[in-house]
Amino acid sequence: MKKATKPKLHITITRMLFLIEVLKDKSIINSTQEFCEVIGMQKQSIRNVKIGKQHFTAKHMTLACDTYNINANWLMGLQEEIFRTTPRKLAKVKDLKSAPQVRQNSSILN
């Protein structure tokens, strides 16, 4: 009888699962459920991720990075620092429309 083997998970999946534990250890989140709610995933889906039947989408990873100030390069396996040293701020289109240099070319955003 063959012994069931765990699937080899992509580094982003491994790191997202590790991230949940880091966030819990640092008391940033209280539970896996809380993390799942933030990224828009059902808690039951984590089990499927662990066995290779489901994966985290780009949207899940982006929400995790933006919400918890996570270094996306770490998530992809490119850097060692989990957290960004400076928070990234994303400009909203409505804020860009009011910027002086954009008002001159407002047809671009409309």
C-alpha atoms as a PDB file:
ATOM      1  CA  MET A   1       0.000   0.000   0.000  1.00  0.00           C
ATOM      2  CA  LYS A   2       1.332   3.408  -1.008  1.00  0.00           C
ATOM      3  CA  LYS A   3       1.841   6.025   1.659  1.00  0.00           C
ATOM      4  CA  ALA A   4       0.087   9.296   0.862  1.00  0.00           C
ATOM      5  CA  THR A   5       2.582  12.066   0.213  1.00  0.00           C
ATOM      6  CA  LYS A   6       2.028  15.728   0.808  1.00  0.00           C
ATOM      7  CA  PRO A   7       2.024  17.800  -2.367  1.00  0.00           C
ATOM      8  CA  LYS A   8       4.954  20.171  -2.817  1.00  0.00           C
ATOM      9  CA  LEU A   9       3.412  23.604  -2.401  1.00  0.00           C
ATOM     10  CA  HIS A  10       4.520  26.700  -4.290  1.00  0.00           C
ATOM     11  CA  ILE A  11       6.603  29.107  -2.203  1.00  0.00           C
ATOM     12  CA  THR A  12       3.844  31.735  -2.185  1.00  0.00           C
ATOM     13  CA  ILE A  13       1.413  29.214  -0.700  1.00  0.00           C
ATOM     14  CA  THR A  14       3.945  28.066   1.885  1.00  0.00           C
ATOM     15  CA  ARG A  15       4.687  31.657   2.847  1.00  0.00           C
ATOM     16  CA  MET A  16       1.020  32.676   3.023  1.00  0.00           C
ATOM     17  CA  LEU A  17       0.379  29.780   5.397  1.00  0.00           C
ATOM     18  CA  PHE A  18       3.461  30.741   7.422  1.00  0.00           C
ATOM     19  CA  LEU A  19       2.267  34.371   7.432  1.00  0.00           C
ATOM     20  CA  ILE A  20      -0.950  33.361   9.199  1.00  0.00           C
ATOM     21  CA  GLU A  21       1.122  31.852  12.028  1.00  0.00           C
ATOM     22  CA  VAL A  22       3.431  34.895  12.208  1.00  0.00           C
ATOM     23  CA  LEU A  23       0.453  37.269  12.423  1.00  0.00           C
ATOM     24  CA  LYS A  24      -1.085  35.148  15.187  1.00  0.00           C
ATOM     25  CA  ASP A  25       2.227  34.982  17.090  1.00  0.00           C
ATOM     26  CA  LYS A  26       2.575  38.763  16.916  1.00  0.00           C
ATOM     27  CA  SER A  27      -1.074  39.188  18.026  1.00  0.00           C
ATOM     28  CA  ILE A  28      -1.868  41.075  14.824  1.00  0.00           C
ATOM     29  CA  ILE A  29      -4.706  38.647  14.181  1.00  0.00           C
ATOM     30  CA  ASN A  30      -6.523  36.420  16.642  1.00  0.00           C
ATOM     31  CA  SER A  31      -7.367  33.540  14.336  1.00  0.00           C
ATOM     32  CA  THR A  32      -7.066  32.005  10.908  1.00  0.00           C
ATOM     33  CA  GLN A  33     -10.731  32.915  10.437  1.00  0.00           C
ATOM     34  CA  GLU A  34      -9.891  36.615  10.892  1.00  0.00           C
ATOM     35  CA  PHE A  35      -7.153  36.384   8.248  1.00  0.00           C
ATOM     36  CA  CYS A  36      -9.512  34.589   5.858  1.00  0.00           C
ATOM     37  CA  GLU A  37     -12.169  37.273   6.277  1.00  0.00           C
ATOM     38  CA  VAL A  38      -9.654  40.001   5.424  1.00  0.00           C
ATOM     39  CA  ILE A  39      -8.448  38.308   2.239  1.00  0.00           C
ATOM     40  CA  GLY A  40     -11.915  37.158   1.178  1.00  0.00           C
ATOM     41  CA  MET A  41     -11.420  33.428   1.575  1.00  0.00           C
ATOM     42  CA  GLN A  42     -13.476  30.901   3.506  1.00  0.00           C
ATOM     43  CA  LYS A  43     -11.660  29.283   6.421  1.00  0.00           C
ATOM     44  CA  GLN A  44     -12.454  25.813   5.047  1.00  0.00           C
ATOM     45  CA  SER A  45     -10.471  26.717   1.933  1.00  0.00           C
ATOM     46  CA  ILE A  46      -7.237  26.800   3.955  1.00  0.00           C
ATOM     47  CA  ARG A  47      -7.446  23.003   4.318  1.00  0.00           C
ATOM     48  CA  ASN A  48      -7.768  22.673   0.547  1.00  0.00           C
ATOM     49  CA  VAL A  49      -4.779  24.976   0.083  1.00  0.00           C
ATOM     50  CA  LYS A  50      -2.706  22.793   2.413  1.00  0.00           C
ATOM     51  CA  ILE A  51      -3.477  19.658   0.416  1.00  0.00           C
ATOM     52  CA  GLY A  52      -2.951  21.298  -2.949  1.00  0.00           C
ATOM     53  CA  LYS A  53      -6.572  21.355  -4.134  1.00  0.00           C
ATOM     54  CA  GLN A  54      -6.873  25.137  -3.998  1.00  0.00           C
ATOM     55  CA  HIS A  55      -4.511  28.094  -4.042  1.00  0.00           C
ATOM     56  CA  PHE A  56      -4.278  31.694  -2.929  1.00  0.00           C
ATOM     57  CA  THR A  57      -5.101  34.082  -5.756  1.00  0.00           C
ATOM     58  CA  ALA A  58      -3.210  37.263  -6.616  1.00  0.00           C
ATOM     59  CA  LYS A  59      -6.098  39.142  -5.006  1.00  0.00           C
ATOM     60  CA  HIS A  60      -5.697  37.198  -1.738  1.00  0.00           C
ATOM     61  CA  MET A  61      -1.967  37.920  -1.678  1.00  0.00           C
ATOM     62  CA  THR A  62      -2.410  41.597  -2.532  1.00  0.00           C
ATOM     63  CA  LEU A  63      -4.987  42.050   0.227  1.00  0.00           C
ATOM     64  CA  ALA A  64      -2.694  40.340   2.744  1.00  0.00           C
ATOM     65  CA  CYS A  65       0.271  42.517   1.705  1.00  0.00           C
ATOM     66  CA  ASP A  66      -1.717  45.751   1.789  1.00  0.00           C
ATOM     67  CA  THR A  67      -3.591  44.998   5.014  1.00  0.00           C
ATOM     68  CA  TYR A  68      -0.677  43.709   7.062  1.00  0.00           C
ATOM     69  CA  ASN A  69       2.175  45.715   5.464  1.00  0.00           C
ATOM     70  CA  ILE A  70       3.778  42.555   4.052  1.00  0.00           C
ATOM     71  CA  ASN A  71       6.732  42.689   1.686  1.00  0.00           C
ATOM     72  CA  ALA A  72       5.475  41.134  -1.568  1.00  0.00           C
ATOM     73  CA  ASN A  73       9.068  40.253  -2.474  1.00  0.00           C
ATOM     74  CA  TRP A  74       9.226  38.087   0.660  1.00  0.00           C
ATOM     75  CA  LEU A  75       5.970  36.432  -0.327  1.00  0.00           C
ATOM     76  CA  MET A  76       7.475  35.540  -3.720  1.00  0.00           C
ATOM     77  CA  GLY A  77      10.664  34.201  -2.125  1.00  0.00           C
ATOM     78  CA  LEU A  78      12.863  37.067  -3.310  1.00  0.00           C
ATOM     79  CA  GLN A  79      13.703  38.733   0.013  1.00  0.00           C
ATOM     80  CA  GLU A  80      14.029  37.722   3.649  1.00  0.00           C
ATOM     81  CA  GLU A  81      12.161  40.601   5.336  1.00  0.00           C
ATOM     82  CA  ILE A  82       8.513  39.713   5.943  1.00  0.00           C
ATOM     83  CA  PHE A  83       7.270  43.215   6.732  1.00  0.00           C
ATOM     84  CA  ARG A  84       7.835  46.312   4.610  1.00  0.00           C
ATOM     85  CA  THR A  85       9.966  48.905   6.332  1.00  0.00           C
ATOM     86  CA  THR A  86       7.731  51.712   5.107  1.00  0.00           C
ATOM     87  CA  PRO A  87       4.011  51.370   4.472  1.00  0.00           C
ATOM     88  CA  ARG A  88       2.953  51.674   0.869  1.00  0.00           C
ATOM     89  CA  LYS A  89       0.231  54.172   0.190  1.00  0.00           C
ATOM     90  CA  LEU A  90      -1.914  53.741  -2.870  1.00  0.00           C
ATOM     91  CA  ALA A  91      -3.402  56.833  -4.418  1.00  0.00           C
ATOM     92  CA  LYS A  92      -7.052  56.694  -5.316  1.00  0.00           C
ATOM     93  CA  VAL A  93      -8.122  57.917  -8.743  1.00  0.00           C
ATOM     94  CA  LYS A  94     -10.342  60.597  -7.165  1.00  0.00           C
ATOM     95  CA  ASP A  95      -7.307  61.896  -5.231  1.00  0.00           C
ATOM     96  CA  LEU A  96      -5.232  61.921  -8.401  1.00  0.00           C
ATOM     97  CA  LYS A  97      -7.860  63.990 -10.209  1.00  0.00           C
ATOM     98  CA  SER A  98      -7.421  66.791  -7.688  1.00  0.00           C
ATOM     99  CA  ALA A  99      -3.615  66.896  -8.022  1.00  0.00           C
ATOM    100  CA  PRO A 100      -2.450  70.069  -9.864  1.00  0.00           C
ATOM    101  CA  GLN A 101      -0.349  68.281 -12.489  1.00  0.00           C
ATOM    102  CA  VAL A 102      -3.226  65.930 -13.328  1.00  0.00           C
ATOM    103  CA  ARG A 103      -5.931  68.596 -13.554  1.00  0.00           C
ATOM    104  CA  GLN A 104      -4.240  69.965 -16.681  1.00  0.00           C
ATOM    105  CA  ASN A 105      -4.668  66.581 -18.356  1.00  0.00           C
ATOM    106  CA  SER A 106      -7.951  65.584 -16.734  1.00  0.00           C
ATOM    107  CA  SER A 107      -9.173  63.903 -19.900  1.00  0.00           C
ATOM    108  CA  ILE A 108      -6.727  61.067 -19.146  1.00  0.00           C
ATOM    109  CA  LEU A 109      -8.637  60.054 -16.013  1.00  0.00           C
ATOM    110  CA  ASN A 110     -12.144  60.551 -17.374  1.00  0.00           C
END
